[in-house]
């Protein structure tokens, strides 16, 4: 599982001109699933993300978690995070999970995020989405299950 996390002041996603999700302060997560991902991996990624202390405290030090600042989450599926650009000029997506697996783990992770934070919004799996955000910091992280939970 690969996730691009952006700390945002606000973010929204639309499909066919209709907003499917929007948040205030929190994280925008672009979530990609590989063909080897499992619910156990999703659990570890969710736990890691929700425990990250990347919001500033009263001294300006990045020391507070999402729940400590009552932050919100916007989760958007993004299979292109598994693009392989090593050969030629056209990316291969052979490492991305099947649509069935990816949709299941996307929905599973979104539900698990809801156990940590009060407000979780999503895009629409497989849709052509437009994402609007105001990055806060900017603060962007790339998390990969291969490095966060390599023993699984």
C-alpha atoms as a PDB file:
ATOM      1  CA  UNK A   1       0.000   0.000   0.000  1.00  0.00           C
ATOM      2  CA  UNK A   2       1.269   3.439  -0.912  1.00  0.00           C
ATOM      3  CA  UNK A   3      -0.138   6.613   0.504  1.00  0.00           C
ATOM      4  CA  UNK A   4       0.682  10.211  -0.274  1.00  0.00           C
ATOM      5  CA  UNK A   5      -0.342  12.211   2.791  1.00  0.00           C
ATOM      6  CA  UNK A   6      -0.762  15.957   2.618  1.00  0.00           C
ATOM      7  CA  UNK A   7      -1.484  18.030   5.678  1.00  0.00           C
ATOM      8  CA  UNK A   8      -4.198  20.418   4.527  1.00  0.00           C
ATOM      9  CA  UNK A   9      -6.100  23.468   5.717  1.00  0.00           C
ATOM     10  CA  UNK A  10      -8.987  22.153   3.593  1.00  0.00           C
ATOM     11  CA  UNK A  11      -9.583  19.753   0.716  1.00  0.00           C
ATOM     12  CA  UNK A  12     -12.438  18.565  -1.478  1.00  0.00           C
ATOM     13  CA  UNK A  13     -13.040  15.989  -4.197  1.00  0.00           C
ATOM     14  CA  UNK A  14     -15.643  16.088  -6.948  1.00  0.00           C
ATOM     15  CA  UNK A  15     -16.929  13.552  -9.480  1.00  0.00           C
ATOM     16  CA  UNK A  16     -18.807  14.821 -12.524  1.00  0.00           C
ATOM     17  CA  UNK A  17     -19.070  18.253 -10.918  1.00  0.00           C
ATOM     18  CA  UNK A  18     -20.641  16.876  -7.715  1.00  0.00           C
ATOM     19  CA  UNK A  19     -18.724  17.072  -4.448  1.00  0.00           C
ATOM     20  CA  UNK A  20     -18.303  13.617  -2.897  1.00  0.00           C
ATOM     21  CA  UNK A  21     -16.235  14.707   0.078  1.00  0.00           C
ATOM     22  CA  UNK A  22     -14.694  17.739   1.731  1.00  0.00           C
ATOM     23  CA  UNK A  23     -12.781  18.433   4.916  1.00  0.00           C
ATOM     24  CA  UNK A  24     -11.312  21.260   6.906  1.00  0.00           C
ATOM     25  CA  UNK A  25      -7.991  20.898   8.729  1.00  0.00           C
ATOM     26  CA  UNK A  26      -6.588  17.401   8.447  1.00  0.00           C
ATOM     27  CA  UNK A  27      -5.056  14.972   5.977  1.00  0.00           C
ATOM     28  CA  UNK A  28      -5.708  14.409   2.309  1.00  0.00           C
ATOM     29  CA  UNK A  29      -4.675  10.821   1.582  1.00  0.00           C
ATOM     30  CA  UNK A  30      -4.072   9.496  -1.916  1.00  0.00           C
ATOM     31  CA  UNK A  31      -4.226   5.720  -1.392  1.00  0.00           C
ATOM     32  CA  UNK A  32      -2.899   3.072  -3.781  1.00  0.00           C
ATOM     33  CA  UNK A  33      -3.223  -0.683  -3.333  1.00  0.00           C
ATOM     34  CA  UNK A  34      -0.814  -3.311  -4.660  1.00  0.00           C
ATOM     35  CA  UNK A  35      -1.631  -6.894  -5.565  1.00  0.00           C
ATOM     36  CA  UNK A  36       0.056  -8.129  -2.352  1.00  0.00           C
ATOM     37  CA  UNK A  37      -1.814  -5.891   0.125  1.00  0.00           C
ATOM     38  CA  UNK A  38      -4.038  -7.314   2.862  1.00  0.00           C
ATOM     39  CA  UNK A  39      -6.337  -6.068   5.610  1.00  0.00           C
ATOM     40  CA  UNK A  40      -3.463  -6.591   8.061  1.00  0.00           C
ATOM     41  CA  UNK A  41      -1.287  -4.216   6.034  1.00  0.00           C
ATOM     42  CA  UNK A  42      -4.139  -1.703   5.824  1.00  0.00           C
ATOM     43  CA  UNK A  43      -4.529  -1.877   9.629  1.00  0.00           C
ATOM     44  CA  UNK A  44      -0.846  -1.088  10.156  1.00  0.00           C
ATOM     45  CA  UNK A  45      -0.911   1.786   7.665  1.00  0.00           C
ATOM     46  CA  UNK A  46      -4.043   3.286   9.240  1.00  0.00           C
ATOM     47  CA  UNK A  47      -2.533   3.004  12.727  1.00  0.00           C
ATOM     48  CA  UNK A  48       0.713   4.633  11.573  1.00  0.00           C
ATOM     49  CA  UNK A  49      -1.007   7.525   9.828  1.00  0.00           C
ATOM     50  CA  UNK A  50      -3.351   8.292  12.696  1.00  0.00           C
ATOM     51  CA  UNK A  51      -0.489   8.309  15.194  1.00  0.00           C
ATOM     52  CA  UNK A  52       1.796  10.569  13.154  1.00  0.00           C
ATOM     53  CA  UNK A  53       2.604  13.719  15.085  1.00  0.00           C
ATOM     54  CA  UNK A  54       2.879  16.287  12.320  1.00  0.00           C
ATOM     55  CA  UNK A  55       0.697  19.147  13.518  1.00  0.00           C
ATOM     56  CA  UNK A  56       2.333  22.030  15.391  1.00  0.00           C
ATOM     57  CA  UNK A  57       1.897  22.350  19.146  1.00  0.00           C
ATOM     58  CA  UNK A  58       1.728  25.652  21.063  1.00  0.00           C
ATOM     59  CA  UNK A  59       5.496  26.062  20.543  1.00  0.00           C
ATOM     60  CA  UNK A  60       5.359  25.466  16.795  1.00  0.00           C
ATOM     61  CA  UNK A  61       6.972  22.011  17.090  1.00  0.00           C
ATOM     62  CA  UNK A  62       5.432  19.216  14.994  1.00  0.00           C
ATOM     63  CA  UNK A  63       4.225  17.245  17.983  1.00  0.00           C
ATOM     64  CA  UNK A  64       0.452  16.674  17.698  1.00  0.00           C
ATOM     65  CA  UNK A  65      -1.507  13.881  16.007  1.00  0.00           C
ATOM     66  CA  UNK A  66      -4.609  14.140  13.862  1.00  0.00           C
ATOM     67  CA  UNK A  67      -6.941  13.285  16.738  1.00  0.00           C
ATOM     68  CA  UNK A  68      -5.222  15.770  19.078  1.00  0.00           C
ATOM     69  CA  UNK A  69      -6.089  18.621  16.707  1.00  0.00           C
ATOM     70  CA  UNK A  70      -9.547  17.186  15.934  1.00  0.00           C
ATOM     71  CA  UNK A  71      -8.491  16.844  12.308  1.00  0.00           C
ATOM     72  CA  UNK A  72     -10.450  15.304   9.470  1.00  0.00           C
ATOM     73  CA  UNK A  73      -9.543  12.880   6.680  1.00  0.00           C
ATOM     74  CA  UNK A  74     -10.236  12.864   2.964  1.00  0.00           C
ATOM     75  CA  UNK A  75      -9.284   9.517   1.383  1.00  0.00           C
ATOM     76  CA  UNK A  76      -8.981   9.295  -2.416  1.00  0.00           C
ATOM     77  CA  UNK A  77      -8.154   6.098  -4.321  1.00  0.00           C
ATOM     78  CA  UNK A  78      -5.097   6.453  -6.557  1.00  0.00           C
ATOM     79  CA  UNK A  79      -3.934   3.340  -8.431  1.00  0.00           C
ATOM     80  CA  UNK A  80      -1.357   5.415 -10.329  1.00  0.00           C
ATOM     81  CA  UNK A  81       0.826   5.411  -7.202  1.00  0.00           C
ATOM     82  CA  UNK A  82       1.941   1.984  -8.457  1.00  0.00           C
ATOM     83  CA  UNK A  83       3.119   3.278 -11.828  1.00  0.00           C
ATOM     84  CA  UNK A  84       6.356   1.685 -12.998  1.00  0.00           C
ATOM     85  CA  UNK A  85       8.201   4.197 -15.176  1.00  0.00           C
ATOM     86  CA  UNK A  86      11.505   2.325 -15.507  1.00  0.00           C
ATOM     87  CA  UNK A  87      11.040   1.225 -19.116  1.00  0.00           C
ATOM     88  CA  UNK A  88       9.954   3.438 -21.970  1.00  0.00           C
ATOM     89  CA  UNK A  89       7.772   6.492 -21.660  1.00  0.00           C
ATOM     90  CA  UNK A  90       4.432   4.874 -20.898  1.00  0.00           C
ATOM     91  CA  UNK A  91       3.924   3.804 -17.273  1.00  0.00           C
ATOM     92  CA  UNK A  92       3.000   0.226 -16.460  1.00  0.00           C
ATOM     93  CA  UNK A  93       0.447  -0.398 -13.732  1.00  0.00           C
ATOM     94  CA  UNK A  94       1.057  -4.158 -13.449  1.00  0.00           C
ATOM     95  CA  UNK A  95       1.921  -3.789  -9.730  1.00  0.00           C
ATOM     96  CA  UNK A  96      -1.393  -2.176  -8.836  1.00  0.00           C
ATOM     97  CA  UNK A  97      -3.944  -4.376  -7.124  1.00  0.00           C
ATOM     98  CA  UNK A  98      -6.926  -5.760  -9.011  1.00  0.00           C
ATOM     99  CA  UNK A  99      -9.937  -3.439  -8.948  1.00  0.00           C
ATOM    100  CA  UNK A 100     -11.796  -5.835  -6.638  1.00  0.00           C
ATOM    101  CA  UNK A 101      -8.953  -6.034  -4.094  1.00  0.00           C
ATOM    102  CA  UNK A 102      -8.190  -2.324  -4.322  1.00  0.00           C
ATOM    103  CA  UNK A 103     -11.806  -1.270  -3.800  1.00  0.00           C
ATOM    104  CA  UNK A 104     -12.195  -3.626  -0.846  1.00  0.00           C
ATOM    105  CA  UNK A 105      -9.015  -2.373   0.878  1.00  0.00           C
ATOM    106  CA  UNK A 106      -9.831   1.260   0.074  1.00  0.00           C
ATOM    107  CA  UNK A 107     -13.246   0.948   1.716  1.00  0.00           C
ATOM    108  CA  UNK A 108     -11.794  -1.110   4.564  1.00  0.00           C
ATOM    109  CA  UNK A 109      -9.106   1.513   5.287  1.00  0.00           C
ATOM    110  CA  UNK A 110     -11.633   4.373   5.127  1.00  0.00           C
ATOM    111  CA  UNK A 111     -13.794   2.584   7.712  1.00  0.00           C
ATOM    112  CA  UNK A 112     -10.769   1.917   9.947  1.00  0.00           C
ATOM    113  CA  UNK A 113      -9.773   5.591   9.815  1.00  0.00           C
ATOM    114  CA  UNK A 114     -13.208   6.280  11.270  1.00  0.00           C
ATOM    115  CA  UNK A 115     -12.172   4.532  14.487  1.00  0.00           C
ATOM    116  CA  UNK A 116      -9.535   7.244  15.038  1.00  0.00           C
ATOM    117  CA  UNK A 117     -11.176  10.434  13.804  1.00  0.00           C
ATOM    118  CA  UNK A 118     -14.722  11.756  13.824  1.00  0.00           C
ATOM    119  CA  UNK A 119     -14.936  12.791  10.172  1.00  0.00           C
ATOM    120  CA  UNK A 120     -13.733  10.717   7.238  1.00  0.00           C
ATOM    121  CA  UNK A 121     -14.745  11.667   3.710  1.00  0.00           C
ATOM    122  CA  UNK A 122     -13.933   9.823   0.483  1.00  0.00           C
ATOM    123  CA  UNK A 123     -13.807  10.133  -3.241  1.00  0.00           C
ATOM    124  CA  UNK A 124     -15.478   7.546  -5.468  1.00  0.00           C
ATOM    125  CA  UNK A 125     -13.431   4.466  -6.269  1.00  0.00           C
ATOM    126  CA  UNK A 126     -12.549   4.154  -9.949  1.00  0.00           C
ATOM    127  CA  UNK A 127     -14.055   7.505 -10.910  1.00  0.00           C
ATOM    128  CA  UNK A 128     -12.407  10.413 -12.685  1.00  0.00           C
ATOM    129  CA  UNK A 129     -12.017  12.745  -9.709  1.00  0.00           C
ATOM    130  CA  UNK A 130     -10.971  16.351  -9.312  1.00  0.00           C
ATOM    131  CA  UNK A 131      -9.174  17.120  -6.057  1.00  0.00           C
ATOM    132  CA  UNK A 132      -8.806  20.627  -4.666  1.00  0.00           C
ATOM    133  CA  UNK A 133      -6.632  21.301  -1.635  1.00  0.00           C
ATOM    134  CA  UNK A 134      -4.794  23.932   0.306  1.00  0.00           C
ATOM    135  CA  UNK A 135      -1.602  22.239   1.502  1.00  0.00           C
ATOM    136  CA  UNK A 136      -0.638  23.348   5.008  1.00  0.00           C
ATOM    137  CA  UNK A 137       3.091  23.837   5.430  1.00  0.00           C
ATOM    138  CA  UNK A 138       3.463  22.446   2.837  1.00  0.00           C
ATOM    139  CA  UNK A 139       3.730  19.124   4.629  1.00  0.00           C
ATOM    140  CA  UNK A 140       3.666  16.048   2.400  1.00  0.00           C
ATOM    141  CA  UNK A 141       4.728  12.488   3.238  1.00  0.00           C
ATOM    142  CA  UNK A 142       4.946   9.331   1.150  1.00  0.00           C
ATOM    143  CA  UNK A 143       4.261   6.156   3.111  1.00  0.00           C
ATOM    144  CA  UNK A 144       4.870   2.698   1.691  1.00  0.00           C
ATOM    145  CA  UNK A 145       3.869  -0.529   3.411  1.00  0.00           C
ATOM    146  CA  UNK A 146       7.099  -2.132   2.147  1.00  0.00           C
ATOM    147  CA  UNK A 147       9.019   0.073   4.575  1.00  0.00           C
ATOM    148  CA  UNK A 148       6.425   0.580   7.322  1.00  0.00           C
ATOM    149  CA  UNK A 149       5.450  -3.076   7.754  1.00  0.00           C
ATOM    150  CA  UNK A 150       8.099  -5.125   5.892  1.00  0.00           C
ATOM    151  CA  UNK A 151       7.675  -8.275   7.999  1.00  0.00           C
ATOM    152  CA  UNK A 152       4.113  -8.909   6.850  1.00  0.00           C
END
